[in-house]
Amino acid sequence: MLAALLAFTLAAAVLTVTPGLDTALVLRTAVVEGSGRAMVAGLGICSGLFGWGLLVSAGLGAVLAVSELAFDGLRIAGALYLVYLGARLLMRLREPVPAMALQPRTGEDPGRDIETRRWFVRGLLTNLLNPKVGAFYVTFLPQFIPEGVNVVAFSLLLAGIHAVEGVLWFALLTRASAAARQWLVRPMVQRALDGVTGGLFLLFGVKLAVEYRH
């Protein structure tokens, strides 16, 4: 069991630090919206891992691997959501940068800020509406579940390890962005981040929409 946990921890760590939409979302949020909201978005993303772990352990995640209709339904929903996020970010390029955006955000209280809570939902949906995460968990998680253990409990334990690594990684990203904030809060840099992140979401959304399973 210990060997399985160590092997999963290493594999999940590599997956966590691999650049992707999750990293782009958290980094952009940290720079433009502040570190508090970035971490809330990261917590939403990591919470989605528990959902996938539970679904896979219950056998429901396997439906994505064998049912083309189920996979395509989730794929289209995820594609539409990514396109929506990307379009919103690109539309921000036409808006003037608010003066308050140039000031460092301090004293944030994510729990009392309705807008901040929305970032949790945004991170959660970004993860749960990604069929590739589900398909990955279907093929990845079972390899690290030893015989004779409670499958649901052990799957959630693995998802928990992955989630903790994700939180640590996102904390490192937000800390790094805070250290470089004096440069990152410049209007041109913020617009560039919005453009790059929005473009990535649009690109992945369109790619997801036109993708076919063989």
C-alpha atoms as a PDB file:
ATOM      1  CA  MET A   1       0.000   0.000   0.000  1.00  0.00           C
ATOM      2  CA  LEU A   2       2.802   2.401   0.894  1.00  0.00           C
ATOM      3  CA  ALA A   3       4.500   1.752  -2.445  1.00  0.00           C
ATOM      4  CA  ALA A   4       1.264   2.521  -4.281  1.00  0.00           C
ATOM      5  CA  LEU A   5       0.845   5.779  -2.359  1.00  0.00           C
ATOM      6  CA  LEU A   6       4.421   6.865  -3.039  1.00  0.00           C
ATOM      7  CA  ALA A   7       4.162   5.994  -6.731  1.00  0.00           C
ATOM      8  CA  PHE A   8       0.888   7.890  -7.083  1.00  0.00           C
ATOM      9  CA  THR A   9       2.263  10.892  -5.203  1.00  0.00           C
ATOM     10  CA  LEU A  10       5.188  11.142  -7.613  1.00  0.00           C
ATOM     11  CA  ALA A  11       3.047  10.641 -10.719  1.00  0.00           C
ATOM     12  CA  ALA A  12       0.414  13.128  -9.545  1.00  0.00           C
ATOM     13  CA  ALA A  13       3.120  15.694  -8.744  1.00  0.00           C
ATOM     14  CA  VAL A  14       4.417  15.528 -12.307  1.00  0.00           C
ATOM     15  CA  LEU A  15       0.872  15.926 -13.619  1.00  0.00           C
ATOM     16  CA  THR A  16       0.202  18.847 -11.255  1.00  0.00           C
ATOM     17  CA  VAL A  17       3.153  20.984 -12.356  1.00  0.00           C
ATOM     18  CA  THR A  18       2.620  20.272 -16.052  1.00  0.00           C
ATOM     19  CA  PRO A  19       1.368  23.557 -17.588  1.00  0.00           C
ATOM     20  CA  GLY A  20      -2.302  23.504 -18.534  1.00  0.00           C
ATOM     21  CA  LEU A  21      -5.599  25.340 -18.248  1.00  0.00           C
ATOM     22  CA  ASP A  22      -5.688  25.024 -14.453  1.00  0.00           C
ATOM     23  CA  THR A  23      -2.307  26.683 -14.079  1.00  0.00           C
ATOM     24  CA  ALA A  24      -3.232  29.400 -16.588  1.00  0.00           C
ATOM     25  CA  LEU A  25      -6.485  30.163 -14.772  1.00  0.00           C
ATOM     26  CA  VAL A  26      -4.877  30.421 -11.329  1.00  0.00           C
ATOM     27  CA  LEU A  27      -1.892  32.456 -12.521  1.00  0.00           C
ATOM     28  CA  ARG A  28      -4.053  34.922 -14.440  1.00  0.00           C
ATOM     29  CA  THR A  29      -6.423  35.261 -11.477  1.00  0.00           C
ATOM     30  CA  ALA A  30      -3.540  35.871  -9.088  1.00  0.00           C
ATOM     31  CA  VAL A  31      -2.191  38.729 -11.195  1.00  0.00           C
ATOM     32  CA  VAL A  32      -5.449  40.415 -12.189  1.00  0.00           C
ATOM     33  CA  GLU A  33      -7.867  39.530  -9.374  1.00  0.00           C
ATOM     34  CA  GLY A  34      -5.514  39.012  -6.451  1.00  0.00           C
ATOM     35  CA  SER A  35      -3.969  36.053  -4.641  1.00  0.00           C
ATOM     36  CA  GLY A  36      -7.049  35.384  -2.492  1.00  0.00           C
ATOM     37  CA  ARG A  37      -9.333  34.800  -5.443  1.00  0.00           C
ATOM     38  CA  ALA A  38      -6.617  32.814  -7.206  1.00  0.00           C
ATOM     39  CA  MET A  39      -6.397  30.397  -4.291  1.00  0.00           C
ATOM     40  CA  VAL A  40     -10.197  30.111  -4.167  1.00  0.00           C
ATOM     41  CA  ALA A  41     -10.165  29.186  -7.859  1.00  0.00           C
ATOM     42  CA  GLY A  42      -7.403  26.673  -7.115  1.00  0.00           C
ATOM     43  CA  LEU A  43      -9.448  25.173  -4.292  1.00  0.00           C
ATOM     44  CA  GLY A  44     -12.354  24.811  -6.715  1.00  0.00           C
ATOM     45  CA  ILE A  45     -10.125  22.991  -9.183  1.00  0.00           C
ATOM     46  CA  CYS A  46      -8.790  20.677  -6.488  1.00  0.00           C
ATOM     47  CA  SER A  47     -12.289  19.994  -5.164  1.00  0.00           C
ATOM     48  CA  GLY A  48     -13.174  18.707  -8.603  1.00  0.00           C
ATOM     49  CA  LEU A  49     -10.564  15.998  -8.170  1.00  0.00           C
ATOM     50  CA  PHE A  50     -12.557  14.548  -5.278  1.00  0.00           C
ATOM     51  CA  GLY A  51     -15.616  14.469  -7.503  1.00  0.00           C
ATOM     52  CA  TRP A  52     -13.751  12.548 -10.196  1.00  0.00           C
ATOM     53  CA  GLY A  53     -12.198  10.217  -7.618  1.00  0.00           C
ATOM     54  CA  LEU A  54     -15.625   9.423  -6.186  1.00  0.00           C
ATOM     55  CA  LEU A  55     -17.185   8.869  -9.602  1.00  0.00           C
ATOM     56  CA  VAL A  56     -14.368   6.600 -10.729  1.00  0.00           C
ATOM     57  CA  SER A  57     -14.430   4.581  -7.517  1.00  0.00           C
ATOM     58  CA  ALA A  58     -18.176   4.122  -7.895  1.00  0.00           C
ATOM     59  CA  GLY A  59     -17.725   2.916 -11.447  1.00  0.00           C
ATOM     60  CA  LEU A  60     -19.552   5.867 -12.973  1.00  0.00           C
ATOM     61  CA  GLY A  61     -16.383   7.357 -14.403  1.00  0.00           C
ATOM     62  CA  ALA A  62     -15.900   4.235 -16.501  1.00  0.00           C
ATOM     63  CA  VAL A  63     -18.974   5.265 -18.459  1.00  0.00           C
ATOM     64  CA  LEU A  64     -16.882   8.006 -20.039  1.00  0.00           C
ATOM     65  CA  ALA A  65     -14.456   5.399 -21.293  1.00  0.00           C
ATOM     66  CA  VAL A  66     -17.060   3.168 -22.923  1.00  0.00           C
ATOM     67  CA  SER A  67     -20.013   5.441 -23.744  1.00  0.00           C
ATOM     68  CA  GLU A  68     -19.472   7.737 -26.697  1.00  0.00           C
ATOM     69  CA  LEU A  69     -22.720   9.581 -25.957  1.00  0.00           C
ATOM     70  CA  ALA A  70     -21.760  10.320 -22.343  1.00  0.00           C
ATOM     71  CA  PHE A  71     -18.262  11.387 -23.302  1.00  0.00           C
ATOM     72  CA  ASP A  72     -19.505  13.620 -26.108  1.00  0.00           C
ATOM     73  CA  GLY A  73     -22.113  15.234 -23.878  1.00  0.00           C
ATOM     74  CA  LEU A  74     -19.497  16.169 -21.311  1.00  0.00           C
ATOM     75  CA  ARG A  75     -17.074  17.153 -24.065  1.00  0.00           C
ATOM     76  CA  ILE A  76     -19.501  19.620 -25.638  1.00  0.00           C
ATOM     77  CA  ALA A  77     -20.486  21.069 -22.255  1.00  0.00           C
ATOM     78  CA  GLY A  78     -16.823  21.535 -21.360  1.00  0.00           C
ATOM     79  CA  ALA A  79     -16.034  23.066 -24.756  1.00  0.00           C
ATOM     80  CA  LEU A  80     -18.859  25.583 -24.448  1.00  0.00           C
ATOM     81  CA  TYR A  81     -17.734  26.552 -20.966  1.00  0.00           C
ATOM     82  CA  LEU A  82     -14.121  27.043 -22.062  1.00  0.00           C
ATOM     83  CA  VAL A  83     -15.212  29.137 -25.038  1.00  0.00           C
ATOM     84  CA  TYR A  84     -17.388  31.218 -22.717  1.00  0.00           C
ATOM     85  CA  LEU A  85     -14.494  31.864 -20.321  1.00  0.00           C
ATOM     86  CA  GLY A  86     -12.104  32.620 -23.176  1.00  0.00           C
ATOM     87  CA  ALA A  87     -14.526  35.026 -24.844  1.00  0.00           C
ATOM     88  CA  ARG A  88     -15.094  36.891 -21.570  1.00  0.00           C
ATOM     89  CA  LEU A  89     -11.376  37.337 -21.044  1.00  0.00           C
ATOM     90  CA  LEU A  90     -10.824  38.537 -24.608  1.00  0.00           C
ATOM     91  CA  MET A  91     -13.700  40.984 -24.308  1.00  0.00           C
ATOM     92  CA  ARG A  92     -11.903  42.533 -21.343  1.00  0.00           C
ATOM     93  CA  LEU A  93      -9.221  43.705 -23.747  1.00  0.00           C
ATOM     94  CA  ARG A  94     -11.652  46.339 -25.000  1.00  0.00           C
ATOM     95  CA  GLU A  95     -12.300  47.706 -21.516  1.00  0.00           C
ATOM     96  CA  PRO A  96     -10.109  50.290 -19.775  1.00  0.00           C
ATOM     97  CA  VAL A  97      -8.044  48.956 -16.904  1.00  0.00           C
ATOM     98  CA  PRO A  98      -9.629  50.213 -13.642  1.00  0.00           C
ATOM     99  CA  ALA A  99      -7.381  52.395 -11.521  1.00  0.00           C
ATOM    100  CA  MET A 100      -7.878  50.052  -8.556  1.00  0.00           C
ATOM    101  CA  ALA A 101      -6.399  47.223 -10.599  1.00  0.00           C
ATOM    102  CA  LEU A 102      -3.067  49.008 -10.447  1.00  0.00           C
ATOM    103  CA  GLN A 103      -2.982  48.823  -6.659  1.00  0.00           C
ATOM    104  CA  PRO A 104      -1.952  45.673  -4.811  1.00  0.00           C
ATOM    105  CA  ARG A 105      -4.923  43.862  -3.268  1.00  0.00           C
ATOM    106  CA  THR A 106      -4.509  43.565   0.455  1.00  0.00           C
ATOM    107  CA  GLY A 107      -6.742  42.420   3.246  1.00  0.00           C
ATOM    108  CA  GLU A 108      -8.862  40.221   0.982  1.00  0.00           C
ATOM    109  CA  ASP A 109     -11.509  38.136   2.695  1.00  0.00           C
ATOM    110  CA  PRO A 110     -12.524  35.524   0.113  1.00  0.00           C
ATOM    111  CA  GLY A 111     -15.196  34.039   2.350  1.00  0.00           C
ATOM    112  CA  ARG A 112     -17.183  37.299   2.453  1.00  0.00           C
ATOM    113  CA  ASP A 113     -16.800  38.315  -1.159  1.00  0.00           C
ATOM    114  CA  ILE A 114     -19.537  37.009  -3.460  1.00  0.00           C
ATOM    115  CA  GLU A 115     -17.396  37.652  -6.536  1.00  0.00           C
ATOM    116  CA  THR A 116     -14.589  35.664  -4.957  1.00  0.00           C
ATOM    117  CA  ARG A 117     -16.888  32.715  -4.297  1.00  0.00           C
ATOM    118  CA  ARG A 118     -17.679  32.660  -7.976  1.00  0.00           C
ATOM    119  CA  TRP A 119     -14.037  31.899  -8.638  1.00  0.00           C
ATOM    120  CA  PHE A 120     -14.426  28.693  -6.643  1.00  0.00           C
ATOM    121  CA  VAL A 121     -17.292  27.661  -8.893  1.00  0.00           C
ATOM    122  CA  ARG A 122     -15.298  28.686 -11.951  1.00  0.00           C
ATOM    123  CA  GLY A 123     -12.364  26.517 -10.901  1.00  0.00           C
ATOM    124  CA  LEU A 124     -14.654  23.633  -9.980  1.00  0.00           C
ATOM    125  CA  LEU A 125     -16.493  23.688 -13.310  1.00  0.00           C
ATOM    126  CA  THR A 126     -13.244  24.030 -15.244  1.00  0.00           C
ATOM    127  CA  ASN A 127     -12.173  20.734 -13.709  1.00  0.00           C
ATOM    128  CA  LEU A 128     -15.472  18.824 -13.683  1.00  0.00           C
ATOM    129  CA  LEU A 129     -16.401  19.775 -17.257  1.00  0.00           C
ATOM    130  CA  ASN A 130     -13.100  18.521 -18.613  1.00  0.00           C
ATOM    131  CA  PRO A 131     -13.757  14.979 -19.926  1.00  0.00           C
ATOM    132  CA  LYS A 132     -10.034  14.397 -20.296  1.00  0.00           C
ATOM    133  CA  VAL A 133      -9.663  14.653 -16.517  1.00  0.00           C
ATOM    134  CA  GLY A 134     -12.369  12.010 -16.135  1.00  0.00           C
ATOM    135  CA  ALA A 135     -10.855   9.755 -18.775  1.00  0.00           C
ATOM    136  CA  PHE A 136      -7.443  10.212 -17.169  1.00  0.00           C
ATOM    137  CA  TYR A 137      -8.749   9.243 -13.739  1.00  0.00           C
ATOM    138  CA  VAL A 138     -10.483   6.188 -15.205  1.00  0.00           C
ATOM    139  CA  THR A 139      -7.194   4.880 -16.571  1.00  0.00           C
ATOM    140  CA  PHE A 140      -4.836   6.361 -13.974  1.00  0.00           C
ATOM    141  CA  LEU A 141      -6.403   5.791 -10.566  1.00  0.00           C
ATOM    142  CA  PRO A 142      -7.080   2.023 -10.769  1.00  0.00           C
ATOM    143  CA  GLN A 143      -3.394   1.325 -11.386  1.00  0.00           C
ATOM    144  CA  PHE A 144      -2.573   2.515  -7.867  1.00  0.00           C
ATOM    145  CA  ILE A 145      -5.363   0.780  -5.944  1.00  0.00           C
ATOM    146  CA  PRO A 146      -4.018  -2.351  -4.211  1.00  0.00           C
ATOM    147  CA  GLU A 147      -6.126  -5.467  -3.857  1.00  0.00           C
ATOM    148  CA  GLY A 148      -8.105  -5.887  -0.678  1.00  0.00           C
ATOM    149  CA  VAL A 149      -8.577  -2.189   0.129  1.00  0.00           C
ATOM    150  CA  ASN A 150     -11.811  -0.216   0.275  1.00  0.00           C
ATOM    151  CA  VAL A 151     -11.902   1.101  -3.283  1.00  0.00           C
ATOM    152  CA  VAL A 152     -13.983   4.200  -2.553  1.00  0.00           C
ATOM    153  CA  ALA A 153     -11.942   5.218   0.492  1.00  0.00           C
ATOM    154  CA  PHE A 154      -8.602   4.573  -1.213  1.00  0.00           C
ATOM    155  CA  SER A 155      -9.678   6.408  -4.375  1.00  0.00           C
ATOM    156  CA  LEU A 156     -10.652   9.436  -2.306  1.00  0.00           C
ATOM    157  CA  LEU A 157      -7.308   9.182  -0.488  1.00  0.00           C
ATOM    158  CA  LEU A 158      -5.475   9.304  -3.827  1.00  0.00           C
ATOM    159  CA  ALA A 159      -7.624  12.194  -4.993  1.00  0.00           C
ATOM    160  CA  GLY A 160      -6.845  13.919  -1.699  1.00  0.00           C
ATOM    161  CA  ILE A 161      -3.105  13.538  -2.278  1.00  0.00           C
ATOM    162  CA  HIS A 162      -3.523  14.968  -5.760  1.00  0.00           C
ATOM    163  CA  ALA A 163      -5.617  17.838  -4.380  1.00  0.00           C
ATOM    164  CA  VAL A 164      -3.046  18.696  -1.692  1.00  0.00           C
ATOM    165  CA  GLU A 165      -0.299  18.784  -4.314  1.00  0.00           C
ATOM    166  CA  GLY A 166      -2.506  21.036  -6.423  1.00  0.00           C
ATOM    167  CA  VAL A 167      -3.106  23.444  -3.533  1.00  0.00           C
ATOM    168  CA  LEU A 168       0.628  23.600  -2.787  1.00  0.00           C
ATOM    169  CA  TRP A 169       1.406  24.237  -6.457  1.00  0.00           C
ATOM    170  CA  PHE A 170      -1.207  26.975  -6.732  1.00  0.00           C
ATOM    171  CA  ALA A 171       0.059  28.544  -3.499  1.00  0.00           C
ATOM    172  CA  LEU A 172       3.556  28.622  -4.994  1.00  0.00           C
ATOM    173  CA  LEU A 173       2.223  30.266  -8.158  1.00  0.00           C
ATOM    174  CA  THR A 174       0.308  32.925  -6.263  1.00  0.00           C
ATOM    175  CA  ARG A 175       3.299  33.581  -3.991  1.00  0.00           C
ATOM    176  CA  ALA A 176       5.549  34.007  -7.023  1.00  0.00           C
ATOM    177  CA  SER A 177       3.063  36.339  -8.699  1.00  0.00           C
ATOM    178  CA  ALA A 178       2.816  38.395  -5.492  1.00  0.00           C
ATOM    179  CA  ALA A 179       6.596  38.774  -5.415  1.00  0.00           C
ATOM    180  CA  ALA A 180       6.570  40.093  -8.978  1.00  0.00           C
ATOM    181  CA  ARG A 181       3.323  42.045  -8.606  1.00  0.00           C
ATOM    182  CA  GLN A 182       4.902  45.475  -9.049  1.00  0.00           C
ATOM    183  CA  TRP A 183       5.698  44.472 -12.626  1.00  0.00           C
ATOM    184  CA  LEU A 184       2.728  42.223 -13.250  1.00  0.00           C
ATOM    185  CA  VAL A 185       0.070  44.824 -12.343  1.00  0.00           C
ATOM    186  CA  ARG A 186       1.050  47.019 -15.290  1.00  0.00           C
ATOM    187  CA  PRO A 187      -1.892  47.472 -17.669  1.00  0.00           C
ATOM    188  CA  MET A 188       0.001  46.067 -20.659  1.00  0.00           C
ATOM    189  CA  VAL A 189       1.001  42.957 -18.720  1.00  0.00           C
ATOM    190  CA  GLN A 190      -2.549  42.403 -17.450  1.00  0.00           C
ATOM    191  CA  ARG A 191      -3.941  42.769 -20.958  1.00  0.00           C
ATOM    192  CA  ALA A 192      -1.337  40.338 -22.247  1.00  0.00           C
ATOM    193  CA  LEU A 193      -2.329  37.814 -19.565  1.00  0.00           C
ATOM    194  CA  ASP A 194      -6.004  38.229 -20.403  1.00  0.00           C
ATOM    195  CA  GLY A 195      -5.228  37.803 -24.093  1.00  0.00           C
ATOM    196  CA  VAL A 196      -3.027  34.743 -23.658  1.00  0.00           C
ATOM    197  CA  THR A 197      -5.305  33.050 -21.119  1.00  0.00           C
ATOM    198  CA  GLY A 198      -8.447  33.862 -23.103  1.00  0.00           C
ATOM    199  CA  GLY A 199      -6.814  32.603 -26.278  1.00  0.00           C
ATOM    200  CA  LEU A 200      -5.795  29.360 -24.562  1.00  0.00           C
ATOM    201  CA  PHE A 201      -9.301  28.755 -23.262  1.00  0.00           C
ATOM    202  CA  LEU A 202     -10.793  29.442 -26.694  1.00  0.00           C
ATOM    203  CA  LEU A 203      -8.230  27.212 -28.389  1.00  0.00           C
ATOM    204  CA  PHE A 204      -8.790  24.321 -25.993  1.00  0.00           C
ATOM    205  CA  GLY A 205     -12.550  24.833 -26.150  1.00  0.00           C
ATOM    206  CA  VAL A 206     -12.649  24.663 -29.943  1.00  0.00           C
ATOM    207  CA  LYS A 207     -10.212  21.751 -29.985  1.00  0.00           C
ATOM    208  CA  LEU A 208     -12.390  19.913 -27.465  1.00  0.00           C
ATOM    209  CA  ALA A 209     -15.539  20.614 -29.484  1.00  0.00           C
ATOM    210  CA  VAL A 210     -14.177  19.227 -32.762  1.00  0.00           C
ATOM    211  CA  GLU A 211     -12.362  16.296 -31.204  1.00  0.00           C
ATOM    212  CA  TYR A 212     -13.569  12.812 -32.079  1.00  0.00           C
ATOM    213  CA  ARG A 213     -13.010   9.517 -30.307  1.00  0.00           C
ATOM    214  CA  HIS A 214     -11.860   6.559 -32.339  1.00  0.00           C
END
